[in-house]
Amino acid sequence: MAALKYRTRHQKLRVIELRRLRPGIDVCRQVVAGVVCGQPMYREQALDLGHDDKGGYIGLVHARCNRQAGAIASNRGIVRKPLVLVSGSGRKW
């Protein structure tokens, strides 16, 4: 199920963009790891309505590209705790 922020307005905009899609001519403009996909899009493919860094929309993009870029951006915000080694626990491994 889509997140609440991706309901109604977002879905309506996606439908409008799908109607405007020129299959094989329009290309995916999603940037993943600093590289624009640039591959053609077709209606049979899984397509998302992509976002820019400022919260706006960039238009239709491949779902895989969109989700990969989102995962990379999300993982940048994760602060990982350093591994702590406990010495002197009394156990001999």
N, C-alpha and C. Protein backbone atom coordinates (compact mmCIF):
# COMPACT_ATOMS: atom_id res chain seq x y z
N MET A 1 0.84 -1.17 0.00
CA MET A 1 0.00 0.00 0.00
C MET A 1 0.89 1.24 0.00
N ALA A 2 0.52 2.22 -0.75
CA ALA A 2 1.30 3.45 -0.86
C ALA A 2 1.27 4.23 0.45
N ALA A 3 2.38 4.89 0.77
CA ALA A 3 2.44 5.72 1.95
C ALA A 3 1.42 6.85 1.80
N LEU A 4 0.98 7.38 2.93
CA LEU A 4 -0.04 8.44 2.90
C LEU A 4 0.37 9.63 2.04
N LYS A 5 1.66 9.98 2.07
CA LYS A 5 2.09 11.14 1.29
C LYS A 5 2.06 10.88 -0.21
N TYR A 6 1.92 9.62 -0.62
CA TYR A 6 1.88 9.29 -2.05
C TYR A 6 0.48 8.95 -2.54
N ARG A 7 -0.51 9.43 -1.84
CA ARG A 7 -1.89 9.20 -2.27
C ARG A 7 -2.43 10.40 -3.02
N THR A 8 -3.60 10.30 -3.50
CA THR A 8 -4.39 11.31 -4.22
C THR A 8 -3.59 12.20 -5.15
N ARG A 9 -3.07 13.33 -4.68
CA ARG A 9 -2.42 14.30 -5.57
C ARG A 9 -1.24 13.66 -6.31
N HIS A 10 -0.41 12.95 -5.58
CA HIS A 10 0.76 12.29 -6.18
C HIS A 10 0.32 11.29 -7.24
N GLN A 11 -0.67 10.47 -6.92
CA GLN A 11 -1.14 9.46 -7.86
C GLN A 11 -1.81 10.10 -9.09
N LYS A 12 -2.53 11.18 -8.88
CA LYS A 12 -3.16 11.87 -10.01
C LYS A 12 -2.10 12.45 -10.95
N LEU A 13 -1.06 13.05 -10.37
CA LEU A 13 0.03 13.58 -11.19
C LEU A 13 0.73 12.47 -11.97
N ARG A 14 0.90 11.32 -11.34
CA ARG A 14 1.53 10.18 -12.01
C ARG A 14 0.71 9.72 -13.20
N VAL A 15 -0.61 9.65 -13.04
CA VAL A 15 -1.51 9.26 -14.14
C VAL A 15 -1.42 10.26 -15.29
N ILE A 16 -1.39 11.54 -14.96
CA ILE A 16 -1.27 12.58 -15.99
C ILE A 16 0.05 12.41 -16.75
N GLU A 17 1.13 12.17 -16.01
CA GLU A 17 2.43 11.98 -16.66
C GLU A 17 2.46 10.72 -17.52
N LEU A 18 1.79 9.67 -17.07
CA LEU A 18 1.73 8.44 -17.87
C LEU A 18 1.01 8.68 -19.20
N ARG A 19 -0.02 9.52 -19.18
CA ARG A 19 -0.74 9.85 -20.42
C ARG A 19 0.14 10.64 -21.38
N ARG A 20 1.01 11.48 -20.81
CA ARG A 20 1.90 12.31 -21.63
C ARG A 20 3.13 11.56 -22.13
N LEU A 21 3.41 10.41 -21.55
CA LEU A 21 4.62 9.65 -21.90
C LEU A 21 4.67 9.32 -23.38
N ARG A 22 5.80 9.57 -23.98
CA ARG A 22 6.05 9.18 -25.37
C ARG A 22 6.95 7.96 -25.32
N PRO A 23 6.36 6.75 -25.43
CA PRO A 23 7.12 5.51 -25.26
C PRO A 23 8.34 5.44 -26.19
N GLY A 24 9.48 5.10 -25.59
CA GLY A 24 10.70 4.94 -26.36
C GLY A 24 11.40 6.25 -26.67
N ILE A 25 10.71 7.37 -26.48
CA ILE A 25 11.31 8.68 -26.75
C ILE A 25 11.72 9.36 -25.45
N ASP A 26 10.80 9.37 -24.48
CA ASP A 26 11.11 9.97 -23.18
C ASP A 26 12.06 9.03 -22.43
N VAL A 27 13.05 9.64 -21.79
CA VAL A 27 14.05 8.84 -21.06
C VAL A 27 13.97 9.12 -19.57
N CYS A 28 14.46 8.18 -18.80
CA CYS A 28 14.51 8.28 -17.34
C CYS A 28 15.57 9.32 -16.97
N ARG A 29 15.15 10.30 -16.15
CA ARG A 29 16.07 11.37 -15.75
C ARG A 29 16.54 11.21 -14.30
N GLN A 30 16.31 10.04 -13.73
CA GLN A 30 16.71 9.82 -12.33
C GLN A 30 18.23 9.72 -12.23
N VAL A 31 18.77 10.40 -11.24
CA VAL A 31 20.21 10.34 -10.97
C VAL A 31 20.44 9.31 -9.87
N VAL A 32 21.27 8.30 -10.18
CA VAL A 32 21.61 7.27 -9.21
C VAL A 32 23.14 7.27 -9.08
N ALA A 33 23.62 7.55 -7.89
CA ALA A 33 25.06 7.58 -7.61
C ALA A 33 25.79 8.52 -8.57
N GLY A 34 25.18 9.67 -8.86
CA GLY A 34 25.81 10.68 -9.68
C GLY A 34 25.70 10.48 -11.18
N VAL A 35 24.95 9.46 -11.62
CA VAL A 35 24.81 9.16 -13.04
C VAL A 35 23.32 9.17 -13.41
N VAL A 36 22.98 9.87 -14.49
CA VAL A 36 21.60 9.89 -14.98
C VAL A 36 21.35 8.59 -15.74
N CYS A 37 20.22 7.94 -15.48
CA CYS A 37 19.88 6.67 -16.15
C CYS A 37 19.89 6.85 -17.66
N GLY A 38 19.03 7.72 -18.19
CA GLY A 38 19.01 8.02 -19.61
C GLY A 38 18.41 6.94 -20.51
N GLN A 39 17.90 5.86 -19.95
CA GLN A 39 17.30 4.78 -20.75
C GLN A 39 15.85 5.12 -21.10
N PRO A 40 15.37 4.67 -22.26
CA PRO A 40 13.99 4.97 -22.65
C PRO A 40 12.98 4.31 -21.71
N MET A 41 11.81 4.92 -21.64
CA MET A 41 10.74 4.39 -20.79
C MET A 41 9.56 3.96 -21.66
N TYR A 42 8.87 2.93 -21.20
CA TYR A 42 7.69 2.39 -21.88
C TYR A 42 6.59 2.19 -20.84
N ARG A 43 5.34 2.25 -21.27
CA ARG A 43 4.21 2.12 -20.35
C ARG A 43 4.17 0.76 -19.65
N GLU A 44 4.75 -0.27 -20.27
CA GLU A 44 4.72 -1.62 -19.69
C GLU A 44 5.66 -1.73 -18.49
N GLN A 45 6.60 -0.79 -18.38
CA GLN A 45 7.57 -0.83 -17.29
C GLN A 45 6.97 -0.27 -16.01
N ALA A 46 7.59 -0.64 -14.90
CA ALA A 46 7.21 -0.05 -13.61
C ALA A 46 7.80 1.36 -13.57
N LEU A 47 6.93 2.36 -13.53
CA LEU A 47 7.38 3.75 -13.55
C LEU A 47 6.85 4.48 -12.33
N ASP A 48 7.71 5.29 -11.72
CA ASP A 48 7.34 6.11 -10.57
C ASP A 48 7.39 7.58 -10.97
N LEU A 49 6.76 8.40 -10.16
CA LEU A 49 6.87 9.84 -10.30
C LEU A 49 8.04 10.26 -9.42
N GLY A 50 9.17 10.61 -10.04
CA GLY A 50 10.40 10.90 -9.31
C GLY A 50 10.42 12.28 -8.68
N HIS A 51 11.23 12.42 -7.63
CA HIS A 51 11.37 13.68 -6.89
C HIS A 51 12.75 14.30 -7.14
N ASP A 52 12.79 15.62 -6.97
CA ASP A 52 14.10 16.28 -6.97
C ASP A 52 14.51 16.48 -5.50
N ASP A 53 15.67 17.04 -5.28
CA ASP A 53 16.19 17.22 -3.92
C ASP A 53 15.41 18.24 -3.11
N LYS A 54 14.64 19.07 -3.77
CA LYS A 54 13.90 20.13 -3.08
C LYS A 54 12.45 19.75 -2.78
N GLY A 55 12.07 18.51 -3.06
CA GLY A 55 10.72 18.07 -2.78
C GLY A 55 9.75 18.20 -3.93
N GLY A 56 10.22 18.68 -5.08
CA GLY A 56 9.37 18.78 -6.27
C GLY A 56 9.43 17.49 -7.07
N TYR A 57 8.85 17.50 -8.23
CA TYR A 57 8.82 16.31 -9.09
C TYR A 57 9.69 16.52 -10.32
N ILE A 58 10.35 15.45 -10.76
CA ILE A 58 11.15 15.50 -11.99
C ILE A 58 10.44 14.80 -13.14
N GLY A 59 9.29 14.20 -12.86
CA GLY A 59 8.55 13.48 -13.89
C GLY A 59 8.69 11.98 -13.71
N LEU A 60 8.26 11.25 -14.72
CA LEU A 60 8.33 9.79 -14.65
C LEU A 60 9.76 9.31 -14.73
N VAL A 61 10.04 8.28 -13.93
CA VAL A 61 11.35 7.63 -13.93
C VAL A 61 11.13 6.14 -13.72
N HIS A 62 12.12 5.33 -14.06
CA HIS A 62 12.01 3.89 -13.78
C HIS A 62 11.88 3.69 -12.27
N ALA A 63 10.99 2.80 -11.87
CA ALA A 63 10.78 2.52 -10.45
C ALA A 63 12.07 2.05 -9.80
N ARG A 64 12.81 1.21 -10.51
CA ARG A 64 14.06 0.69 -9.95
C ARG A 64 15.05 1.83 -9.69
N CYS A 65 15.19 2.73 -10.63
CA CYS A 65 16.11 3.88 -10.47
C CYS A 65 15.66 4.75 -9.31
N ASN A 66 14.37 5.03 -9.23
CA ASN A 66 13.82 5.88 -8.19
C ASN A 66 14.05 5.29 -6.81
N ARG A 67 13.80 4.03 -6.67
CA ARG A 67 13.92 3.38 -5.36
C ARG A 67 15.37 3.18 -4.97
N GLN A 68 16.22 2.94 -5.95
CA GLN A 68 17.65 2.81 -5.67
C GLN A 68 18.20 4.16 -5.19
N ALA A 69 17.83 5.24 -5.85
CA ALA A 69 18.28 6.58 -5.45
C ALA A 69 17.76 6.91 -4.05
N GLY A 70 16.51 6.53 -3.78
CA GLY A 70 15.93 6.77 -2.45
C GLY A 70 16.64 5.99 -1.37
N ALA A 71 17.01 4.76 -1.65
CA ALA A 71 17.72 3.94 -0.68
C ALA A 71 19.10 4.52 -0.38
N ILE A 72 19.79 4.97 -1.43
CA ILE A 72 21.11 5.57 -1.25
C ILE A 72 21.00 6.83 -0.39
N ALA A 73 20.02 7.67 -0.70
CA ALA A 73 19.82 8.91 0.07
C ALA A 73 19.46 8.60 1.52
N SER A 74 18.63 7.60 1.72
CA SER A 74 18.22 7.23 3.07
C SER A 74 19.39 6.67 3.87
N ASN A 75 20.20 5.85 3.23
CA ASN A 75 21.33 5.25 3.92
C ASN A 75 22.39 6.27 4.30
N ARG A 76 22.46 7.36 3.58
CA ARG A 76 23.41 8.42 3.95
C ARG A 76 23.06 9.02 5.30
N GLY A 77 21.79 8.99 5.64
CA GLY A 77 21.35 9.58 6.91
C GLY A 77 21.49 8.66 8.10
N ILE A 78 21.84 7.41 7.87
CA ILE A 78 21.96 6.45 8.97
C ILE A 78 23.33 6.61 9.62
N VAL A 79 23.31 6.80 10.93
CA VAL A 79 24.56 6.88 11.68
C VAL A 79 24.78 5.52 12.31
N ARG A 80 25.84 4.88 11.90
CA ARG A 80 26.13 3.55 12.44
C ARG A 80 27.03 3.68 13.67
N LYS A 81 26.70 2.93 14.69
CA LYS A 81 27.51 2.94 15.91
C LYS A 81 28.78 2.14 15.65
N PRO A 82 29.89 2.61 16.17
CA PRO A 82 31.13 1.86 15.98
C PRO A 82 31.07 0.53 16.72
N LEU A 83 31.77 -0.44 16.20
CA LEU A 83 31.84 -1.75 16.82
C LEU A 83 32.66 -1.63 18.08
N VAL A 84 32.12 -2.10 19.19
CA VAL A 84 32.83 -2.02 20.46
C VAL A 84 33.27 -3.42 20.84
N LEU A 85 34.56 -3.56 21.02
CA LEU A 85 35.11 -4.83 21.45
C LEU A 85 35.30 -4.79 22.96
N VAL A 86 34.77 -5.79 23.63
CA VAL A 86 34.89 -5.86 25.08
C VAL A 86 36.04 -6.79 25.40
N SER A 87 37.04 -6.26 26.06
CA SER A 87 38.18 -7.10 26.44
C SER A 87 38.08 -7.44 27.92
N GLY A 88 38.71 -8.50 28.27
CA GLY A 88 38.74 -8.89 29.69
C GLY A 88 37.43 -9.44 30.19
N SER A 89 36.66 -10.09 29.31
CA SER A 89 35.36 -10.61 29.74
C SER A 89 35.51 -11.91 30.53
N GLY A 90 36.72 -12.44 30.55
CA GLY A 90 36.94 -13.68 31.28
C GLY A 90 36.73 -14.92 30.44
N ARG A 91 36.18 -14.77 29.27
CA ARG A 91 35.97 -15.93 28.41
C ARG A 91 37.16 -16.13 27.50
N LYS A 92 37.46 -17.35 27.23
CA LYS A 92 38.54 -17.66 26.29
C LYS A 92 37.94 -18.36 25.10
N TRP A 93 37.95 -17.73 23.99
CA TRP A 93 37.33 -18.25 22.78
C TRP A 93 38.31 -19.05 22.01
